[in-house]
Amino acid sequence: MSNQFDEDMRALRSEPPARGYDQIDAAVWRGIAEARRSRQAAPMLYAVRAAAVVGALGLGVASGGATAVALAREAPEVSAFSIKAELAPSTLLDHEG
């Protein structure tokens, strides 16, 4: 079995390399250079992302705070002993109101 393997290896060695193999090295270095360029631009993108996150958090806190203040000013509607309860049976059954 090792003879067959040796023969196959000699046959592969005698064939010329594929056309794309000589370009692999250059393509790898081009990819590395592109990655380096993108990393150099990354700090600016980090600043933009951070500003967007801070803006979104600020908007959320402001709108949530405004909603909380508006809800705190309203009187609670549902109460077992409330006179102004709109869903109380005495209010629902009253046809004059």
Protein backbone atom coordinates (compact mmCIF):
# COMPACT_ATOMS: atom_id res chain seq x y z
CA MET A 1 0.00 0.00 0.00
CA SER A 2 2.86 2.37 0.67
CA ASN A 3 4.12 1.79 -2.89
CA GLN A 4 0.82 3.09 -4.27
CA PHE A 5 1.05 6.11 -2.00
CA ASP A 6 4.62 6.82 -3.08
CA GLU A 7 3.63 6.55 -6.72
CA ASP A 8 0.72 8.95 -6.20
CA MET A 9 3.00 11.46 -4.46
CA ARG A 10 5.54 11.27 -7.32
CA ALA A 11 2.74 11.82 -9.83
CA LEU A 12 1.50 14.86 -7.94
CA ARG A 13 5.01 16.22 -7.62
CA SER A 14 5.60 15.94 -11.35
CA GLU A 15 2.48 17.98 -12.21
CA PRO A 16 2.80 21.75 -12.47
CA PRO A 17 1.10 23.75 -9.68
CA ALA A 18 -2.38 25.04 -10.33
CA ARG A 19 -2.70 28.54 -11.77
CA GLY A 20 -4.31 30.07 -8.68
CA TYR A 21 -1.65 28.96 -6.23
CA ASP A 22 0.83 31.64 -7.19
CA GLN A 23 -1.81 34.30 -6.48
CA ILE A 24 -2.85 33.04 -3.05
CA ASP A 25 0.02 34.77 -1.29
CA ALA A 26 -0.80 38.15 -2.81
CA ALA A 27 -4.51 37.74 -2.01
CA VAL A 28 -3.72 36.94 1.62
CA TRP A 29 -1.54 40.04 1.96
CA ARG A 30 -4.24 42.18 0.33
CA GLY A 31 -6.75 40.86 2.88
CA ILE A 32 -4.36 41.65 5.73
CA ALA A 33 -3.85 45.18 4.42
CA GLU A 34 -7.63 45.73 4.17
CA ALA A 35 -8.10 44.50 7.73
CA ARG A 36 -5.42 46.91 8.95
CA ARG A 37 -7.05 49.82 7.11
CA SER A 38 -10.44 48.99 8.58
CA ARG A 39 -8.93 48.83 12.07
CA GLN A 40 -7.43 52.28 11.62
CA ALA A 41 -10.89 53.70 10.86
CA ALA A 42 -12.49 51.84 13.77
CA PRO A 43 -11.86 54.46 16.51
CA MET A 44 -13.96 57.00 14.62
CA LEU A 45 -16.75 54.44 14.29
CA TYR A 46 -16.51 53.64 18.00
CA ALA A 47 -17.05 57.30 18.81
CA VAL A 48 -20.10 57.46 16.55
CA ARG A 49 -21.51 54.28 18.10
CA ALA A 50 -20.91 55.56 21.61
CA ALA A 51 -22.65 58.85 20.78
CA ALA A 52 -25.63 56.95 19.36
CA VAL A 53 -25.89 54.80 22.50
CA VAL A 54 -25.67 57.83 24.79
CA GLY A 55 -28.29 59.65 22.71
CA ALA A 56 -30.64 56.66 22.80
CA LEU A 57 -30.22 56.28 26.56
CA GLY A 58 -30.82 59.99 27.10
CA LEU A 59 -33.95 59.91 24.96
CA GLY A 60 -35.22 56.85 26.82
CA VAL A 61 -34.61 58.38 30.23
CA ALA A 62 -36.24 61.66 29.23
CA SER A 63 -39.36 60.06 27.75
CA GLY A 64 -39.61 57.52 30.57
CA GLY A 65 -39.27 60.27 33.15
CA ALA A 66 -41.94 62.37 31.47
CA THR A 67 -44.29 59.39 31.36
CA ALA A 68 -43.62 58.58 35.01
CA VAL A 69 -44.35 62.17 36.05
CA ALA A 70 -47.59 62.19 34.03
CA LEU A 71 -48.73 58.91 35.56
CA ALA A 72 -47.82 60.05 39.08
CA ARG A 73 -50.06 63.12 38.73
CA GLU A 74 -53.13 61.05 37.84
CA ALA A 75 -55.30 59.83 40.69
CA PRO A 76 -55.61 56.06 40.88
CA GLU A 77 -58.85 54.96 39.18
CA VAL A 78 -59.43 51.53 40.65
CA SER A 79 -60.10 51.42 44.36
CA ALA A 80 -62.46 49.27 46.37
CA PHE A 81 -63.81 52.22 48.39
CA SER A 82 -63.51 55.03 45.84
CA ILE A 83 -66.59 57.21 45.25
CA LYS A 84 -65.45 58.18 41.76
CA ALA A 85 -64.92 54.64 40.52
CA GLU A 86 -66.34 54.59 36.99
CA LEU A 87 -66.71 50.81 36.90
CA ALA A 88 -68.53 50.45 40.23
CA PRO A 89 -71.86 48.60 39.98
CA SER A 90 -73.75 51.59 41.36
CA THR A 91 -72.34 53.73 38.53
CA LEU A 92 -72.91 51.16 35.81
CA LEU A 93 -76.50 50.43 36.83
CA ASP A 94 -77.43 54.06 37.19
CA HIS A 95 -79.22 55.10 33.99
CA GLU A 96 -79.36 58.79 34.81
CA GLY A 97 -75.59 59.35 34.91
